Structure formats: structure tokens, C-alpha cells
Amino acid sequence: MPQKDPCQKQACEIQKCLQANNYMESKCQAVIQALRKCCAQYPKGRSPVCSGFEKEEKLTLKTPSE
């Protein structure tokens, strides 16, 4: 049986918050930060729900070509 995702709870909280606030991310920054904090505690690949943030960070770190 696969191990439980350690950040699943925070991911679910984001979904609840977004649904309650008509998908306005600005109103859910606290729960988004909680997920980022959780993801930072585990090595890449340990939490499948963190994979989206890992991809996002790679895109943010790239600098545009001149």
C-alpha cells in the first residue's frame, strides 16, 4: 500500500478555500503558503501534491533569453 501523501491535507484545504471564494487565489494565500511550507519539508518526489509547486518554481527561476 502506498504511503499517505504528507501534504495532502494542505492541498485539500486549498481546494476548499478556492471553492468557497469563487476560485480567487488572492483570498487563499495563507493556505497556499501552508502547502508551500509543507512541500519544503520533504524531498522532491516524496509528496505528489507538491509536484505542481516544484514545476512552478523551476519556471520562476528561469530567466528570459535576451
N, C-alpha and C. Protein backbone atom coordinates (compact mmCIF):
# COMPACT_ATOMS: atom_id res chain seq x y z
N MET A 1 0.85 -1.20 0.00
CA MET A 1 0.00 0.00 0.00
C MET A 1 0.89 1.25 0.00
N PRO A 2 0.62 2.21 -0.89
CA PRO A 2 1.45 3.42 -0.94
C PRO A 2 1.32 4.24 0.33
N GLN A 3 2.40 4.96 0.65
CA GLN A 3 2.36 5.82 1.82
C GLN A 3 1.45 7.02 1.57
N LYS A 4 0.86 7.51 2.65
CA LYS A 4 -0.01 8.69 2.55
C LYS A 4 0.83 9.91 2.19
N ASP A 5 0.30 10.74 1.33
CA ASP A 5 0.99 11.97 0.95
C ASP A 5 1.03 12.90 2.16
N PRO A 6 2.22 13.33 2.59
CA PRO A 6 2.32 14.15 3.81
C PRO A 6 1.70 15.54 3.67
N CYS A 7 1.48 16.01 2.46
CA CYS A 7 0.93 17.35 2.26
C CYS A 7 -0.49 17.32 1.70
N GLN A 8 -1.12 16.16 1.70
CA GLN A 8 -2.47 16.02 1.15
C GLN A 8 -3.47 16.92 1.88
N LYS A 9 -3.35 17.01 3.19
CA LYS A 9 -4.29 17.83 3.97
C LYS A 9 -4.25 19.29 3.50
N GLN A 10 -3.05 19.83 3.30
CA GLN A 10 -2.93 21.22 2.87
C GLN A 10 -3.48 21.41 1.46
N ALA A 11 -3.28 20.42 0.60
CA ALA A 11 -3.82 20.51 -0.76
C ALA A 11 -5.34 20.54 -0.73
N CYS A 12 -5.93 19.74 0.14
CA CYS A 12 -7.39 19.73 0.26
C CYS A 12 -7.90 21.06 0.81
N GLU A 13 -7.14 21.65 1.73
CA GLU A 13 -7.54 22.95 2.28
C GLU A 13 -7.53 24.03 1.19
N ILE A 14 -6.59 23.95 0.28
CA ILE A 14 -6.56 24.91 -0.83
C ILE A 14 -7.82 24.75 -1.68
N GLN A 15 -8.17 23.52 -2.00
CA GLN A 15 -9.37 23.29 -2.81
C GLN A 15 -10.62 23.82 -2.13
N LYS A 16 -10.74 23.57 -0.84
CA LYS A 16 -11.90 24.08 -0.08
C LYS A 16 -11.94 25.60 -0.11
N CYS A 17 -10.78 26.22 0.11
CA CYS A 17 -10.71 27.68 0.13
C CYS A 17 -11.07 28.25 -1.23
N LEU A 18 -10.52 27.69 -2.29
CA LEU A 18 -10.81 28.20 -3.63
C LEU A 18 -12.29 28.06 -3.96
N GLN A 19 -12.88 26.94 -3.62
CA GLN A 19 -14.31 26.75 -3.89
C GLN A 19 -15.15 27.75 -3.10
N ALA A 20 -14.77 28.00 -1.86
CA ALA A 20 -15.53 28.92 -1.01
C ALA A 20 -15.38 30.38 -1.45
N ASN A 21 -14.30 30.68 -2.20
CA ASN A 21 -14.02 32.06 -2.60
C ASN A 21 -14.05 32.26 -4.11
N ASN A 22 -14.88 31.50 -4.80
CA ASN A 22 -15.04 31.63 -6.25
C ASN A 22 -13.71 31.58 -6.99
N TYR A 23 -12.81 30.71 -6.53
CA TYR A 23 -11.52 30.47 -7.17
C TYR A 23 -10.64 31.71 -7.27
N MET A 24 -10.75 32.59 -6.29
CA MET A 24 -9.89 33.77 -6.23
C MET A 24 -8.67 33.41 -5.37
N GLU A 25 -7.53 33.18 -6.03
CA GLU A 25 -6.32 32.76 -5.33
C GLU A 25 -5.89 33.78 -4.27
N SER A 26 -6.13 35.04 -4.52
CA SER A 26 -5.71 36.08 -3.58
C SER A 26 -6.33 35.90 -2.20
N LYS A 27 -7.49 35.28 -2.13
CA LYS A 27 -8.16 35.07 -0.84
C LYS A 27 -7.66 33.81 -0.14
N CYS A 28 -6.81 33.04 -0.80
CA CYS A 28 -6.35 31.77 -0.23
C CYS A 28 -4.84 31.72 -0.05
N GLN A 29 -4.21 32.87 0.02
CA GLN A 29 -2.75 32.89 0.12
C GLN A 29 -2.23 32.19 1.38
N ALA A 30 -2.95 32.28 2.48
CA ALA A 30 -2.49 31.65 3.72
C ALA A 30 -2.43 30.12 3.57
N VAL A 31 -3.44 29.52 2.96
CA VAL A 31 -3.43 28.06 2.80
C VAL A 31 -2.44 27.63 1.71
N ILE A 32 -2.23 28.47 0.71
CA ILE A 32 -1.24 28.18 -0.32
C ILE A 32 0.16 28.20 0.32
N GLN A 33 0.41 29.17 1.16
CA GLN A 33 1.69 29.24 1.86
C GLN A 33 1.89 28.03 2.77
N ALA A 34 0.82 27.56 3.40
CA ALA A 34 0.92 26.38 4.26
C ALA A 34 1.35 25.16 3.45
N LEU A 35 0.83 25.03 2.22
CA LEU A 35 1.24 23.92 1.37
C LEU A 35 2.69 24.08 0.94
N ARG A 36 3.08 25.28 0.58
CA ARG A 36 4.49 25.51 0.20
C ARG A 36 5.42 25.15 1.35
N LYS A 37 5.04 25.52 2.57
CA LYS A 37 5.85 25.22 3.74
C LYS A 37 5.95 23.71 3.94
N CYS A 38 4.84 23.01 3.77
CA CYS A 38 4.84 21.56 3.89
C CYS A 38 5.73 20.95 2.82
N CYS A 39 5.61 21.40 1.60
CA CYS A 39 6.40 20.86 0.50
C CYS A 39 7.90 21.06 0.73
N ALA A 40 8.26 22.17 1.35
CA ALA A 40 9.67 22.46 1.60
C ALA A 40 10.28 21.49 2.61
N GLN A 41 9.45 20.82 3.40
CA GLN A 41 9.94 19.91 4.43
C GLN A 41 10.32 18.54 3.88
N TYR A 42 9.92 18.24 2.66
CA TYR A 42 10.12 16.90 2.11
C TYR A 42 10.95 16.95 0.83
N PRO A 43 11.71 15.89 0.56
CA PRO A 43 12.49 15.86 -0.68
C PRO A 43 11.56 15.79 -1.89
N LYS A 44 12.04 16.28 -3.02
CA LYS A 44 11.24 16.25 -4.25
C LYS A 44 10.81 14.82 -4.56
N GLY A 45 9.58 14.68 -4.95
CA GLY A 45 9.05 13.37 -5.29
C GLY A 45 8.38 12.66 -4.12
N ARG A 46 8.60 13.13 -2.90
CA ARG A 46 8.01 12.47 -1.72
C ARG A 46 6.52 12.76 -1.64
N SER A 47 6.11 13.96 -2.01
CA SER A 47 4.71 14.36 -1.93
C SER A 47 4.20 14.67 -3.34
N PRO A 48 3.37 13.79 -3.90
CA PRO A 48 2.85 14.04 -5.25
C PRO A 48 2.10 15.37 -5.39
N VAL A 49 1.42 15.82 -4.34
CA VAL A 49 0.69 17.09 -4.46
C VAL A 49 1.63 18.28 -4.59
N CYS A 50 2.90 18.10 -4.23
CA CYS A 50 3.87 19.20 -4.33
C CYS A 50 4.47 19.32 -5.72
N SER A 51 4.24 18.36 -6.58
CA SER A 51 4.86 18.37 -7.90
C SER A 51 4.50 19.63 -8.69
N GLY A 52 3.31 20.15 -8.52
CA GLY A 52 2.91 21.39 -9.21
C GLY A 52 3.73 22.58 -8.76
N PHE A 53 4.02 22.66 -7.47
CA PHE A 53 4.85 23.76 -6.96
C PHE A 53 6.29 23.60 -7.42
N GLU A 54 6.78 22.38 -7.48
CA GLU A 54 8.15 22.15 -7.94
C GLU A 54 8.30 22.60 -9.38
N LYS A 55 7.33 22.31 -10.23
CA LYS A 55 7.37 22.74 -11.64
C LYS A 55 7.27 24.25 -11.72
N GLU A 56 6.41 24.84 -10.89
CA GLU A 56 6.21 26.29 -10.89
C GLU A 56 7.51 27.00 -10.51
N GLU A 57 8.22 26.47 -9.51
CA GLU A 57 9.46 27.09 -9.06
C GLU A 57 10.52 27.05 -10.15
N LYS A 58 10.59 25.97 -10.90
CA LYS A 58 11.55 25.87 -12.00
C LYS A 58 11.27 26.94 -13.04
N LEU A 59 10.00 27.16 -13.36
CA LEU A 59 9.63 28.17 -14.34
C LEU A 59 9.97 29.57 -13.84
N THR A 60 9.77 29.81 -12.55
CA THR A 60 10.03 31.12 -11.96
C THR A 60 11.52 31.41 -11.93
N LEU A 61 12.33 30.39 -11.71
CA LEU A 61 13.77 30.58 -11.60
C LEU A 61 14.45 30.85 -12.94
N LYS A 62 13.83 30.43 -14.03
CA LYS A 62 14.42 30.64 -15.35
C LYS A 62 14.36 32.12 -15.71
N THR A 63 15.42 32.61 -16.32
CA THR A 63 15.41 33.99 -16.77
C THR A 63 15.15 34.02 -18.26
N PRO A 64 14.42 35.00 -18.73
CA PRO A 64 14.12 35.07 -20.16
C PRO A 64 15.38 35.30 -20.99
N SER A 65 15.41 34.75 -22.18
CA SER A 65 16.54 34.95 -23.08
C SER A 65 16.55 36.38 -23.58
N GLU A 66 17.73 36.89 -23.74
CA GLU A 66 17.83 38.30 -24.20
C GLU A 66 18.06 38.37 -25.68
